[in-house]
Protein backbone atom coordinates (compact mmCIF):
# COMPACT_ATOMS: atom_id res chain seq x y z
CA MET A 1 -31.82 9.60 6.93
CA LYS A 2 -31.86 11.70 3.77
CA GLU A 3 -29.05 13.91 5.12
CA PHE A 4 -27.00 10.82 5.95
CA ASP A 5 -27.42 9.46 2.42
CA LEU A 6 -26.40 12.84 0.96
CA LEU A 7 -23.30 12.87 3.15
CA CYS A 8 -22.46 9.32 2.03
CA ARG A 9 -22.80 10.37 -1.60
CA GLU A 10 -20.55 13.40 -1.02
CA PHE A 11 -17.78 11.20 0.36
CA GLU A 12 -18.30 8.56 -2.34
CA GLU A 13 -17.60 11.23 -4.96
CA MET A 14 -14.60 12.82 -3.21
CA ASP A 15 -11.27 12.69 -5.03
CA ALA A 16 -8.26 10.92 -3.48
CA GLU A 17 -6.25 14.11 -2.88
CA THR A 18 -9.07 15.80 -0.95
CA TYR A 19 -9.56 12.56 0.98
CA THR A 20 -5.92 12.44 2.04
CA VAL A 21 -5.85 16.08 3.14
CA LEU A 22 -9.12 15.87 5.08
CA LEU A 23 -8.17 12.60 6.81
CA ALA A 24 -4.81 14.03 7.85
CA GLU A 25 -6.47 17.18 9.24
CA LYS A 26 -9.04 15.18 11.20
CA ALA A 27 -6.38 12.78 12.54
CA ALA A 28 -4.23 15.70 13.71
CA THR A 29 -7.13 16.93 15.83
CA LEU A 30 -8.59 13.60 16.94
CA VAL A 31 -5.50 11.73 18.14
CA PRO A 32 -4.53 14.36 20.76
CA ALA A 33 -8.16 14.63 21.90
CA LEU A 34 -8.46 10.86 22.23
CA SER A 35 -5.17 10.79 24.17
CA LEU A 36 -6.72 13.12 26.73
CA ILE A 37 -9.53 10.70 27.53
CA THR A 38 -7.35 7.61 27.93
CA ALA A 39 -6.03 6.66 31.34
CA ASP A 40 -2.37 6.73 30.31
CA GLY A 41 -2.67 9.52 27.73
CA LEU A 42 -0.87 7.34 25.21
CA GLY A 43 -3.86 5.41 23.95
CA GLY A 44 -5.12 8.06 21.52
CA ILE A 45 -3.52 6.34 18.56
CA ALA A 46 -4.82 2.95 19.71
CA VAL A 47 -8.36 4.29 20.06
CA PHE A 48 -8.16 6.06 16.71
CA SER A 49 -6.82 2.91 15.06
CA THR A 50 -9.72 0.89 16.47
CA PHE A 51 -12.13 3.21 14.68
CA ILE A 52 -10.07 3.03 11.46
CA VAL A 53 -9.89 -0.78 11.49
CA GLY A 54 -13.58 -0.97 12.43
CA ALA A 55 -14.48 1.20 9.43
CA ILE A 56 -12.28 -0.91 7.17
CA ALA A 57 -13.90 -4.11 8.47
CA ALA A 58 -17.48 -2.78 8.41
CA ASP A 59 -18.34 -4.42 5.09
CA GLY A 60 -16.18 -7.47 5.73
CA ARG A 61 -13.82 -7.04 2.82
CA LEU A 62 -10.82 -4.96 1.83
CA SER A 63 -9.99 -4.40 -1.81
CA GLU A 64 -6.51 -3.54 -3.01
CA GLU A 65 -7.88 -0.17 -4.18
CA GLU A 66 -9.17 0.62 -0.69
CA TYR A 67 -5.86 -0.44 0.81
CA ALA A 68 -3.89 1.71 -1.66
CA LEU A 69 -5.94 4.78 -0.75
CA ILE A 70 -5.80 4.19 3.02
CA HIS A 71 -2.17 3.01 3.13
CA PRO A 72 -0.62 6.47 3.80
CA LEU A 73 -2.84 6.86 6.87
CA LEU A 74 -2.13 3.33 8.08
CA TYR A 75 1.60 3.84 7.55
CA ALA A 76 1.53 7.11 9.50
CA PHE A 77 -0.01 5.36 12.51
CA PHE A 78 1.38 1.83 12.37
CA GLY A 79 4.61 2.03 10.36
CA ASP A 80 5.97 -0.53 7.90
CA ASN A 81 4.39 -3.59 9.49
CA VAL A 82 0.91 -2.98 8.01
CA ASP A 83 0.79 -4.54 4.59
CA TYR A 84 -2.20 -5.49 2.45
CA GLU A 85 -2.25 -9.16 3.49
CA THR A 86 -2.07 -8.28 7.21
CA CYS A 87 -4.95 -5.83 6.82
CA LYS A 88 -7.04 -8.40 4.93
CA LYS A 89 -6.46 -10.98 7.67
CA THR A 90 -7.41 -8.45 10.35
CA VAL A 91 -10.62 -7.57 8.50
CA ARG A 92 -11.53 -11.25 8.07
CA ALA A 93 -10.79 -11.99 11.72
CA MET A 94 -12.96 -9.10 12.90
CA ARG A 95 -15.85 -10.18 10.72
CA ALA A 96 -15.51 -13.80 11.86
CA GLU A 97 -15.68 -12.76 15.51
CA THR A 98 -19.23 -11.38 15.53
CA LYS A 99 -19.38 -11.16 19.33
CA GLU A 100 -16.00 -9.42 19.44
CA LEU A 101 -17.07 -6.98 16.73
CA LYS A 102 -20.28 -6.17 18.63
CA LYS A 103 -18.26 -5.60 21.83
CA THR A 104 -15.84 -3.36 19.92
CA VAL A 105 -18.70 -1.26 18.57
CA GLU A 106 -20.11 -0.90 22.10
CA GLU A 107 -16.68 0.25 23.31
CA MET A 108 -16.50 2.71 20.43
CA VAL A 109 -19.88 4.15 21.34
CA ASP A 110 -18.64 4.55 24.93
CA VAL A 111 -15.60 6.46 23.68
CA LEU A 112 -17.79 8.69 21.54
CA ALA A 113 -19.92 9.53 24.59
CA GLU A 114 -16.84 11.02 26.27
CA LEU A 115 -16.12 13.43 23.40
CA SER A 116 -17.52 16.83 22.58
CA ASP A 117 -20.13 16.88 19.83
CA ASP A 118 -17.58 18.35 17.39
CA LEU A 119 -14.99 15.64 18.08
CA LYS A 120 -17.65 12.92 17.99
CA ASN A 121 -18.87 14.20 14.62
CA ASP A 122 -15.30 14.36 13.29
CA LEU A 123 -14.57 10.79 14.35
CA ILE A 124 -17.79 9.53 12.76
CA LEU A 125 -16.95 11.49 9.60
CA VAL A 126 -13.52 9.84 9.47
CA CYS A 127 -15.19 6.43 9.75
CA LEU A 128 -17.63 7.37 7.01
CA MET A 129 -14.77 8.56 4.82
CA ILE A 130 -12.95 5.26 5.32
CA CYS A 131 -16.12 3.38 4.36
CA ALA A 132 -16.55 5.54 1.26
CA ILE A 133 -12.94 5.34 0.13
CA ASP A 134 -13.74 2.76 -2.54
CA GLY A 135 -16.47 4.98 -4.03
CA LYS A 136 -19.41 3.22 -2.38
CA VAL A 137 -20.77 3.13 1.17
CA SER A 138 -22.41 -0.28 1.33
CA LEU A 139 -25.54 -1.08 3.31
CA LYS A 140 -23.41 -2.96 5.87
CA GLU A 141 -21.16 0.08 6.24
CA LYS A 142 -24.15 2.41 6.64
CA ARG A 143 -25.56 0.17 9.36
CA TRP A 144 -22.20 0.11 11.14
CA ILE A 145 -21.91 3.92 11.04
CA LYS A 146 -25.48 4.28 12.35
CA GLN A 147 -24.55 2.12 15.35
CA LEU A 148 -21.88 4.67 16.23
CA ILE A 149 -24.31 7.57 15.90
CA ARG A 150 -26.91 6.23 18.37
């Protein structure tokens, strides 16, 4: 638990440039690996995006500052059609659908079970980074991350 809190603090204090570089590096490794475990090989981006949106929705809110920091990553994966209002609606919808969110987390845990320890750790780190992007990993976000670690 203490190590997890230290890791959270490290990401909370990370500057935006380091964030962007590290997220891009992790995405470049994770998306191809996730594509290998999907039936059609094309679902790597969809699986990765589920984790990204899950991390964004973990605390149930999305500030404009969070969106501004995560926008380059969202744009790289989803293109122009992901604006702030669309993201906010998606976050609200996920939080409103408690059963759906629980099912999504269970599916995410299943995906993680299919990955090597290194890839699993990288994907969880990406989620943690997304949660910490606003400078604070909330209690709700910590609980969500811990569900993925089980």
